[in-house]
Amino acid sequence: MNISELLASGLYLLGRAWWVEVLTAVPKCTYYFGPFANAHEAALAVVGYVEDLEGESAQGIQTHVRRLKPSQLTIDDEYDNLGAGIQ
């Protein structure tokens, strides 16, 4: 593990790490990639994540570099919305 990865891990524990948030319209999902030690490192990684999702035929891709601590790395919004009305 290099210094940048160690720093990112520490920042993650504190909820201060940077993440790439990717939203897709088709399928309707939210993905989180990270953690990163700084916004610049996260921004550099965006291209690869978008290419991977495009290779899987995802459409309507939006990206954001944000400081957060996601509880899930992949959120299937279509599945979650289907279950929202079930009690």
N, C-alpha and C. Protein backbone atom coordinates (compact mmCIF):
# COMPACT_ATOMS: atom_id res chain seq x y z
N MET A 1 0.85 -1.17 0.00
CA MET A 1 0.00 0.00 0.00
C MET A 1 0.90 1.24 0.00
N ASN A 2 0.65 2.16 -0.95
CA ASN A 2 1.48 3.36 -1.00
C ASN A 2 0.93 4.45 -0.07
N ILE A 3 1.64 5.54 0.02
CA ILE A 3 1.27 6.62 0.95
C ILE A 3 -0.10 7.21 0.60
N SER A 4 -0.37 7.40 -0.69
CA SER A 4 -1.65 7.96 -1.10
C SER A 4 -2.81 7.05 -0.68
N GLU A 5 -2.63 5.74 -0.82
CA GLU A 5 -3.67 4.79 -0.40
C GLU A 5 -3.85 4.81 1.11
N LEU A 6 -2.75 4.92 1.85
CA LEU A 6 -2.85 5.01 3.32
C LEU A 6 -3.60 6.27 3.74
N LEU A 7 -3.27 7.38 3.08
CA LEU A 7 -3.95 8.64 3.39
C LEU A 7 -5.43 8.54 3.06
N ALA A 8 -5.75 7.96 1.90
CA ALA A 8 -7.16 7.81 1.51
C ALA A 8 -7.90 6.94 2.51
N SER A 9 -7.26 5.89 2.99
CA SER A 9 -7.91 5.01 3.98
C SER A 9 -8.19 5.76 5.27
N GLY A 10 -7.23 6.56 5.72
CA GLY A 10 -7.44 7.35 6.93
C GLY A 10 -8.53 8.38 6.76
N LEU A 11 -8.53 9.04 5.61
CA LEU A 11 -9.58 10.02 5.33
C LEU A 11 -10.95 9.36 5.24
N TYR A 12 -10.98 8.14 4.68
CA TYR A 12 -12.25 7.41 4.60
C TYR A 12 -12.80 7.16 6.00
N LEU A 13 -11.96 6.73 6.90
CA LEU A 13 -12.41 6.46 8.28
C LEU A 13 -12.99 7.71 8.92
N LEU A 14 -12.44 8.86 8.56
CA LEU A 14 -12.91 10.13 9.11
C LEU A 14 -14.08 10.72 8.32
N GLY A 15 -14.45 10.07 7.23
CA GLY A 15 -15.52 10.60 6.38
C GLY A 15 -15.07 11.79 5.56
N ARG A 16 -13.77 11.92 5.31
CA ARG A 16 -13.23 13.08 4.60
C ARG A 16 -12.57 12.71 3.27
N ALA A 17 -12.73 11.47 2.83
CA ALA A 17 -12.13 11.03 1.58
C ALA A 17 -12.94 11.54 0.39
N TRP A 18 -12.30 11.56 -0.76
CA TRP A 18 -12.94 11.96 -2.00
C TRP A 18 -13.40 10.72 -2.75
N TRP A 19 -14.56 10.81 -3.38
CA TRP A 19 -15.14 9.71 -4.13
C TRP A 19 -15.63 10.20 -5.47
N VAL A 20 -15.66 9.29 -6.44
CA VAL A 20 -16.30 9.57 -7.72
C VAL A 20 -17.70 8.97 -7.63
N GLU A 21 -18.70 9.83 -7.79
CA GLU A 21 -20.09 9.40 -7.82
C GLU A 21 -20.52 9.38 -9.28
N VAL A 22 -21.01 8.24 -9.74
CA VAL A 22 -21.45 8.10 -11.13
C VAL A 22 -22.92 7.70 -11.12
N LEU A 23 -23.73 8.51 -11.80
CA LEU A 23 -25.16 8.21 -11.95
C LEU A 23 -25.41 7.82 -13.39
N THR A 24 -26.18 6.77 -13.59
CA THR A 24 -26.55 6.36 -14.94
C THR A 24 -28.06 6.35 -15.06
N ALA A 25 -28.55 6.76 -16.24
CA ALA A 25 -29.99 6.76 -16.50
C ALA A 25 -30.47 5.36 -16.86
N VAL A 26 -29.65 4.64 -17.63
CA VAL A 26 -29.97 3.26 -18.04
C VAL A 26 -28.72 2.42 -17.88
N PRO A 27 -28.67 1.49 -16.95
CA PRO A 27 -29.67 1.25 -15.93
C PRO A 27 -29.67 2.40 -14.92
N LYS A 28 -30.76 2.56 -14.21
CA LYS A 28 -30.88 3.65 -13.23
C LYS A 28 -30.14 3.23 -11.97
N CYS A 29 -28.86 3.63 -11.91
CA CYS A 29 -27.99 3.23 -10.79
C CYS A 29 -27.11 4.39 -10.36
N THR A 30 -26.61 4.27 -9.15
CA THR A 30 -25.60 5.16 -8.62
C THR A 30 -24.43 4.30 -8.19
N TYR A 31 -23.22 4.69 -8.63
CA TYR A 31 -22.00 3.96 -8.29
C TYR A 31 -21.05 4.90 -7.57
N TYR A 32 -20.31 4.37 -6.61
CA TYR A 32 -19.28 5.13 -5.91
C TYR A 32 -17.94 4.42 -6.08
N PHE A 33 -16.92 5.18 -6.50
CA PHE A 33 -15.58 4.65 -6.68
C PHE A 33 -14.62 5.46 -5.82
N GLY A 34 -13.81 4.78 -5.06
CA GLY A 34 -12.86 5.46 -4.19
C GLY A 34 -12.42 4.53 -3.09
N PRO A 35 -11.89 5.03 -2.03
CA PRO A 35 -11.67 6.44 -1.71
C PRO A 35 -10.38 6.97 -2.34
N PHE A 36 -10.33 8.29 -2.47
CA PHE A 36 -9.15 8.99 -2.97
C PHE A 36 -8.71 10.01 -1.94
N ALA A 37 -7.41 10.28 -1.91
CA ALA A 37 -6.85 11.22 -0.94
C ALA A 37 -7.19 12.67 -1.28
N ASN A 38 -7.39 12.96 -2.58
CA ASN A 38 -7.72 14.33 -2.97
C ASN A 38 -8.60 14.33 -4.21
N ALA A 39 -9.19 15.47 -4.48
CA ALA A 39 -10.13 15.61 -5.60
C ALA A 39 -9.45 15.41 -6.94
N HIS A 40 -8.20 15.83 -7.05
CA HIS A 40 -7.48 15.69 -8.32
C HIS A 40 -7.31 14.22 -8.69
N GLU A 41 -6.91 13.38 -7.75
CA GLU A 41 -6.76 11.95 -8.01
C GLU A 41 -8.10 11.34 -8.44
N ALA A 42 -9.15 11.73 -7.77
CA ALA A 42 -10.48 11.21 -8.11
C ALA A 42 -10.88 11.64 -9.51
N ALA A 43 -10.64 12.90 -9.85
CA ALA A 43 -11.01 13.41 -11.17
C ALA A 43 -10.24 12.69 -12.28
N LEU A 44 -8.99 12.35 -12.03
CA LEU A 44 -8.20 11.63 -13.02
C LEU A 44 -8.76 10.24 -13.30
N ALA A 45 -9.41 9.65 -12.32
CA ALA A 45 -9.94 8.29 -12.45
C ALA A 45 -11.28 8.24 -13.17
N VAL A 46 -11.96 9.37 -13.29
CA VAL A 46 -13.31 9.41 -13.86
C VAL A 46 -13.36 8.79 -15.25
N VAL A 47 -12.42 9.12 -16.11
CA VAL A 47 -12.44 8.65 -17.50
C VAL A 47 -12.52 7.13 -17.56
N GLY A 48 -11.73 6.45 -16.77
CA GLY A 48 -11.73 4.99 -16.77
C GLY A 48 -13.05 4.40 -16.32
N TYR A 49 -13.66 4.99 -15.30
CA TYR A 49 -14.95 4.49 -14.82
C TYR A 49 -16.05 4.69 -15.88
N VAL A 50 -16.03 5.84 -16.54
CA VAL A 50 -17.02 6.11 -17.59
C VAL A 50 -16.82 5.14 -18.76
N GLU A 51 -15.58 4.92 -19.16
CA GLU A 51 -15.30 3.98 -20.25
C GLU A 51 -15.82 2.58 -19.91
N ASP A 52 -15.59 2.14 -18.68
CA ASP A 52 -16.07 0.81 -18.26
C ASP A 52 -17.59 0.73 -18.34
N LEU A 53 -18.27 1.75 -17.85
CA LEU A 53 -19.74 1.73 -17.86
C LEU A 53 -20.28 1.83 -19.29
N GLU A 54 -19.65 2.63 -20.13
CA GLU A 54 -20.06 2.70 -21.53
C GLU A 54 -19.87 1.34 -22.20
N GLY A 55 -18.81 0.63 -21.84
CA GLY A 55 -18.56 -0.70 -22.37
C GLY A 55 -19.63 -1.70 -21.93
N GLU A 56 -20.30 -1.40 -20.85
CA GLU A 56 -21.41 -2.24 -20.37
C GLU A 56 -22.76 -1.69 -20.85
N SER A 57 -22.73 -0.76 -21.80
CA SER A 57 -23.91 -0.16 -22.44
C SER A 57 -24.72 0.76 -21.53
N ALA A 58 -24.11 1.29 -20.48
CA ALA A 58 -24.81 2.27 -19.64
C ALA A 58 -25.03 3.55 -20.45
N GLN A 59 -26.13 4.23 -20.17
CA GLN A 59 -26.47 5.47 -20.89
C GLN A 59 -26.81 6.57 -19.89
N GLY A 60 -26.68 7.81 -20.36
CA GLY A 60 -27.02 8.96 -19.51
C GLY A 60 -26.10 9.05 -18.30
N ILE A 61 -24.81 8.98 -18.54
CA ILE A 61 -23.83 8.95 -17.46
C ILE A 61 -23.49 10.36 -16.99
N GLN A 62 -23.60 10.58 -15.69
CA GLN A 62 -23.20 11.84 -15.05
C GLN A 62 -22.19 11.51 -13.97
N THR A 63 -21.19 12.36 -13.81
CA THR A 63 -20.17 12.12 -12.78
C THR A 63 -20.01 13.33 -11.88
N HIS A 64 -19.65 13.05 -10.63
CA HIS A 64 -19.37 14.10 -9.64
C HIS A 64 -18.23 13.61 -8.77
N VAL A 65 -17.33 14.51 -8.43
CA VAL A 65 -16.28 14.21 -7.46
C VAL A 65 -16.70 14.89 -6.18
N ARG A 66 -16.87 14.07 -5.13
CA ARG A 66 -17.43 14.60 -3.88
C ARG A 66 -16.71 14.01 -2.68
N ARG A 67 -16.79 14.74 -1.60
CA ARG A 67 -16.31 14.25 -0.31
C ARG A 67 -17.51 13.64 0.41
N LEU A 68 -17.44 12.36 0.68
CA LEU A 68 -18.54 11.69 1.36
C LEU A 68 -18.07 10.34 1.86
N LYS A 69 -18.95 9.62 2.48
CA LYS A 69 -18.65 8.28 2.98
C LYS A 69 -19.85 7.38 2.65
N PRO A 70 -19.85 6.82 1.43
CA PRO A 70 -21.01 6.03 1.02
C PRO A 70 -21.17 4.77 1.86
N SER A 71 -22.41 4.42 2.13
CA SER A 71 -22.68 3.19 2.88
C SER A 71 -22.78 1.99 1.94
N GLN A 72 -23.03 2.26 0.64
CA GLN A 72 -23.07 1.23 -0.39
C GLN A 72 -22.28 1.75 -1.59
N LEU A 73 -21.60 0.84 -2.31
CA LEU A 73 -20.84 1.26 -3.48
C LEU A 73 -21.67 1.26 -4.75
N THR A 74 -22.73 0.45 -4.78
CA THR A 74 -23.63 0.41 -5.93
C THR A 74 -25.06 0.44 -5.42
N ILE A 75 -25.84 1.35 -5.95
CA ILE A 75 -27.24 1.46 -5.59
C ILE A 75 -28.06 1.29 -6.85
N ASP A 76 -28.83 0.24 -6.92
CA ASP A 76 -29.70 -0.03 -8.06
C ASP A 76 -31.01 0.69 -7.81
N ASP A 77 -31.14 1.90 -8.36
CA ASP A 77 -32.31 2.73 -8.11
C ASP A 77 -33.58 2.12 -8.67
N GLU A 78 -33.49 1.37 -9.79
CA GLU A 78 -34.68 0.72 -10.34
C GLU A 78 -35.21 -0.32 -9.37
N TYR A 79 -34.32 -1.14 -8.82
CA TYR A 79 -34.72 -2.17 -7.87
C TYR A 79 -35.26 -1.54 -6.59
N ASP A 80 -34.56 -0.52 -6.09
CA ASP A 80 -34.99 0.15 -4.85
C ASP A 80 -36.38 0.77 -5.01
N ASN A 81 -36.64 1.38 -6.17
CA ASN A 81 -37.94 2.01 -6.41
C ASN A 81 -39.05 0.98 -6.52
N LEU A 82 -38.76 -0.21 -7.05
CA LEU A 82 -39.76 -1.25 -7.14
C LEU A 82 -40.20 -1.71 -5.75
N GLY A 83 -39.25 -1.78 -4.83
CA GLY A 83 -39.54 -2.24 -3.49
C GLY A 83 -40.13 -1.17 -2.58
N ALA A 84 -40.14 0.08 -3.04
CA ALA A 84 -40.59 1.19 -2.20
C ALA A 84 -42.07 1.07 -1.83
N GLY A 85 -42.90 0.49 -2.72
CA GLY A 85 -44.33 0.40 -2.44
C GLY A 85 -44.73 -0.85 -1.72
N ILE A 86 -43.79 -1.76 -1.50
CA ILE A 86 -44.11 -3.03 -0.82
C ILE A 86 -44.01 -2.86 0.68
N GLN A 87 -45.00 -3.36 1.39
CA GLN A 87 -44.98 -3.25 2.86
C GLN A 87 -45.09 -4.59 3.49
